[in-house]
N, C-alpha and C. Protein backbone atom coordinates (compact mmCIF):
# COMPACT_ATOMS: atom_id res chain seq x y z
N MET A 1 -12.64 -127.73 5.54
CA MET A 1 -12.95 -128.93 6.05
C MET A 1 -13.58 -128.68 7.56
N SER A 2 -14.17 -127.61 7.73
CA SER A 2 -14.73 -127.38 8.94
C SER A 2 -16.25 -127.52 9.11
N ARG A 3 -16.77 -127.79 10.20
CA ARG A 3 -18.18 -127.98 10.43
C ARG A 3 -18.65 -127.33 11.56
N THR A 4 -19.92 -127.19 11.69
CA THR A 4 -20.61 -126.50 12.82
C THR A 4 -21.08 -127.55 13.81
N ILE A 5 -20.66 -127.40 15.01
CA ILE A 5 -21.18 -128.23 16.18
C ILE A 5 -21.73 -127.36 17.30
N ASN A 6 -22.48 -128.05 18.12
CA ASN A 6 -22.94 -127.49 19.34
C ASN A 6 -22.20 -127.72 20.51
N ILE A 7 -21.63 -126.81 21.40
CA ILE A 7 -20.93 -127.01 22.48
C ILE A 7 -21.39 -126.21 23.71
N GLN A 8 -21.02 -126.67 24.79
CA GLN A 8 -21.23 -125.75 25.95
C GLN A 8 -20.03 -125.06 26.37
N CYS A 9 -19.96 -123.79 26.40
CA CYS A 9 -18.76 -123.01 26.66
C CYS A 9 -18.34 -123.17 28.04
N ALA A 10 -17.00 -123.45 28.16
CA ALA A 10 -16.33 -123.72 29.39
C ALA A 10 -16.30 -122.44 30.35
N GLU A 11 -16.50 -121.19 29.75
CA GLU A 11 -16.29 -120.04 30.49
C GLU A 11 -17.63 -119.51 30.98
N CYS A 12 -18.57 -119.28 30.04
CA CYS A 12 -19.86 -118.74 30.42
C CYS A 12 -21.00 -119.79 30.71
N GLY A 13 -20.69 -121.08 30.18
CA GLY A 13 -21.74 -122.20 30.29
C GLY A 13 -22.89 -122.21 29.40
N LYS A 14 -22.80 -121.29 28.34
CA LYS A 14 -23.98 -121.23 27.44
C LYS A 14 -23.69 -122.33 26.37
N GLU A 15 -24.80 -122.88 25.83
CA GLU A 15 -24.67 -123.68 24.72
C GLU A 15 -24.79 -122.99 23.34
N VAL A 16 -23.76 -123.05 22.39
CA VAL A 16 -23.69 -122.38 21.26
C VAL A 16 -23.21 -123.19 20.13
N ASP A 17 -23.61 -122.77 18.95
CA ASP A 17 -23.00 -123.48 17.73
C ASP A 17 -21.76 -122.80 17.24
N VAL A 18 -20.71 -123.54 17.12
CA VAL A 18 -19.35 -122.87 16.67
C VAL A 18 -18.88 -123.75 15.56
N VAL A 19 -17.95 -123.06 14.79
CA VAL A 19 -17.25 -123.78 13.66
C VAL A 19 -16.14 -124.59 14.32
N GLN A 20 -16.12 -125.87 13.96
CA GLN A 20 -15.10 -126.69 14.50
C GLN A 20 -14.14 -127.12 13.47
N ARG A 21 -12.98 -126.80 13.76
CA ARG A 21 -11.94 -127.04 12.70
C ARG A 21 -11.19 -128.41 13.18
N PRO A 22 -10.73 -129.11 12.10
CA PRO A 22 -10.16 -130.51 12.64
C PRO A 22 -8.93 -130.43 13.48
N LYS A 23 -8.11 -129.42 13.53
CA LYS A 23 -6.87 -129.42 14.37
C LYS A 23 -7.21 -129.29 15.85
N PHE A 24 -8.00 -128.31 16.16
CA PHE A 24 -8.24 -127.94 17.54
C PHE A 24 -9.78 -128.08 17.98
N LYS A 25 -10.10 -128.79 19.17
CA LYS A 25 -11.45 -128.73 19.59
C LYS A 25 -11.78 -127.49 20.26
N ARG A 26 -12.96 -126.83 19.99
CA ARG A 26 -13.32 -125.65 20.63
C ARG A 26 -13.84 -125.80 22.00
N LYS A 27 -13.60 -125.01 22.98
CA LYS A 27 -14.07 -125.08 24.44
C LYS A 27 -14.91 -123.97 24.67
N TYR A 28 -14.75 -122.76 23.95
CA TYR A 28 -15.25 -121.53 24.36
C TYR A 28 -16.11 -121.05 23.09
N CYS A 29 -17.23 -120.23 23.49
CA CYS A 29 -17.97 -119.54 22.51
C CYS A 29 -17.15 -118.47 21.98
N ASP A 30 -17.71 -117.83 20.80
CA ASP A 30 -16.86 -116.89 20.24
C ASP A 30 -16.55 -115.63 20.95
N LYS A 31 -17.52 -115.21 21.72
CA LYS A 31 -17.33 -114.10 22.73
C LYS A 31 -16.33 -114.34 23.78
N CYS A 32 -16.26 -115.48 24.44
CA CYS A 32 -15.36 -115.79 25.47
C CYS A 32 -14.00 -115.99 24.91
N SER A 33 -13.99 -116.63 23.64
CA SER A 33 -12.71 -116.91 23.02
C SER A 33 -11.90 -115.55 22.70
N ILE A 34 -12.68 -114.59 22.14
CA ILE A 34 -12.06 -113.24 21.90
C ILE A 34 -11.52 -112.60 23.32
N LYS A 35 -12.29 -112.77 24.29
CA LYS A 35 -11.87 -112.25 25.51
C LYS A 35 -10.65 -112.84 26.08
N LYS A 36 -10.58 -114.15 26.00
CA LYS A 36 -9.50 -114.95 26.38
C LYS A 36 -8.18 -114.58 25.65
N LYS A 37 -8.36 -114.53 24.28
CA LYS A 37 -7.24 -114.08 23.39
C LYS A 37 -6.75 -112.72 23.84
N GLU A 38 -7.55 -111.88 24.06
CA GLU A 38 -7.06 -110.47 24.41
C GLU A 38 -6.31 -110.59 25.81
N GLU A 39 -6.77 -111.32 26.76
CA GLU A 39 -6.20 -111.40 28.03
C GLU A 39 -4.75 -112.12 27.91
N TRP A 40 -4.65 -113.06 26.96
CA TRP A 40 -3.49 -113.71 26.78
C TRP A 40 -2.56 -112.79 26.02
N LYS A 41 -3.00 -112.03 25.11
CA LYS A 41 -2.25 -110.98 24.41
C LYS A 41 -1.56 -110.02 25.44
N ASP A 42 -2.42 -109.56 26.42
CA ASP A 42 -1.97 -108.60 27.27
C ASP A 42 -0.87 -109.27 28.36
N TYR A 43 -1.11 -110.58 28.60
CA TYR A 43 -0.24 -111.19 29.50
C TYR A 43 1.28 -111.39 28.73
N GLN A 44 1.08 -111.89 27.41
CA GLN A 44 2.38 -111.91 26.64
C GLN A 44 3.16 -110.59 26.59
N GLU A 45 2.44 -109.54 26.51
CA GLU A 45 3.11 -108.21 26.23
C GLU A 45 3.77 -107.85 27.61
N ASN A 46 3.22 -108.28 28.79
CA ASN A 46 3.59 -107.77 30.00
C ASN A 46 4.30 -108.72 30.96
N ARG A 47 4.41 -109.92 30.45
CA ARG A 47 5.04 -110.96 31.41
C ARG A 47 6.38 -110.75 31.80
N TRP A 48 7.11 -109.98 30.99
CA TRP A 48 8.59 -109.57 31.35
C TRP A 48 8.59 -108.77 32.60
N LYS A 49 7.53 -108.07 32.86
CA LYS A 49 7.50 -107.18 33.99
C LYS A 49 7.15 -107.96 35.30
N LEU A 50 6.80 -109.19 35.27
CA LEU A 50 6.47 -109.94 36.46
C LEU A 50 7.71 -110.18 37.30
N THR A 51 7.62 -110.27 38.59
CA THR A 51 8.67 -110.63 39.50
C THR A 51 8.23 -111.75 40.30
N LEU A 52 9.21 -112.38 41.06
CA LEU A 52 8.77 -113.39 41.83
C LEU A 52 7.83 -112.94 42.95
N ASP A 53 8.01 -111.73 43.44
CA ASP A 53 7.06 -111.26 44.39
C ASP A 53 5.65 -111.15 43.89
N ASP A 54 5.47 -110.91 42.63
CA ASP A 54 4.10 -110.88 41.98
C ASP A 54 3.53 -112.28 41.93
N MET A 55 4.27 -113.30 42.05
CA MET A 55 3.71 -114.69 41.86
C MET A 55 3.53 -115.32 43.04
N GLU A 56 3.97 -114.75 44.34
CA GLU A 56 3.72 -115.49 45.43
C GLU A 56 2.35 -115.35 45.96
N GLU A 57 1.89 -116.41 46.57
CA GLU A 57 0.49 -116.52 47.07
C GLU A 57 0.55 -115.71 48.28
N ASP A 58 -0.65 -114.94 48.35
CA ASP A 58 -0.93 -114.13 49.66
C ASP A 58 -1.45 -115.19 50.69
N GLU A 59 -0.94 -115.20 51.91
CA GLU A 59 -1.39 -116.04 52.99
C GLU A 59 -2.35 -115.42 54.01
């Protein structure tokens, strides 16, 4: 029950046709979506290494 719609990617700003599934609305094109999934996967694998010092903002 998916359909193809035209969206403007929130990451790169290009207008693309993507397959929209009923459960989640797409915000990113396929290329940016894959990139964000890889970044999230890397974060998930390495987040246990983060310390409070890593999270402090530089002034």
